[in-house]
Amino acid sequence: QVQLVESGGGLVQAGGSLRLSCAASGLTFSMYELGWFHQAPGKEREFVAGIIWSGSSTYYADSVKGRFTITRDNAKNTVYLQMNGLKPEDTAVYYCAAALGRLTRVRVGVDEYDYWGQGTQVTVSS
């Protein structure tokens, strides 16, 4: 049974930082691309950042480029999202997701991912 468990969310002031973690189990981690998405109330789930199976390629939404960094540790079956310079508009539930396959490009579509975590709330106050 595949499980993705996010942690690290919370309340932070604008300009602050948070580091999200997502621990995976029940899958061969190195065979999967990992992504972070977020969903604000009343809005659709959106791509934030992704990293291919090897960690050698990453891709970011324009809104977070230069502020967020995605990394993965295949030995620990964990993917991270370092979020710096947080803004109130970053407030959302953040989900990690896994997509099977060793592609050389990052997938950005919600329907391209096979497994999802339960989400962790990030709230940025102004």
Foldseek 3Di string as FASTA:
>chain_A
DKAWAKDWADEEAAQAKIKMKIAIDDDQLLQKKKFKWWDAPPGDIWTAKIAFSVRPDMDGDPVQPPFWDWGDDSVRRMIMIIGGRDDQVVWTWMKMFIAGHGDPDTDTDPVRTDDIHPTDTHGYHD
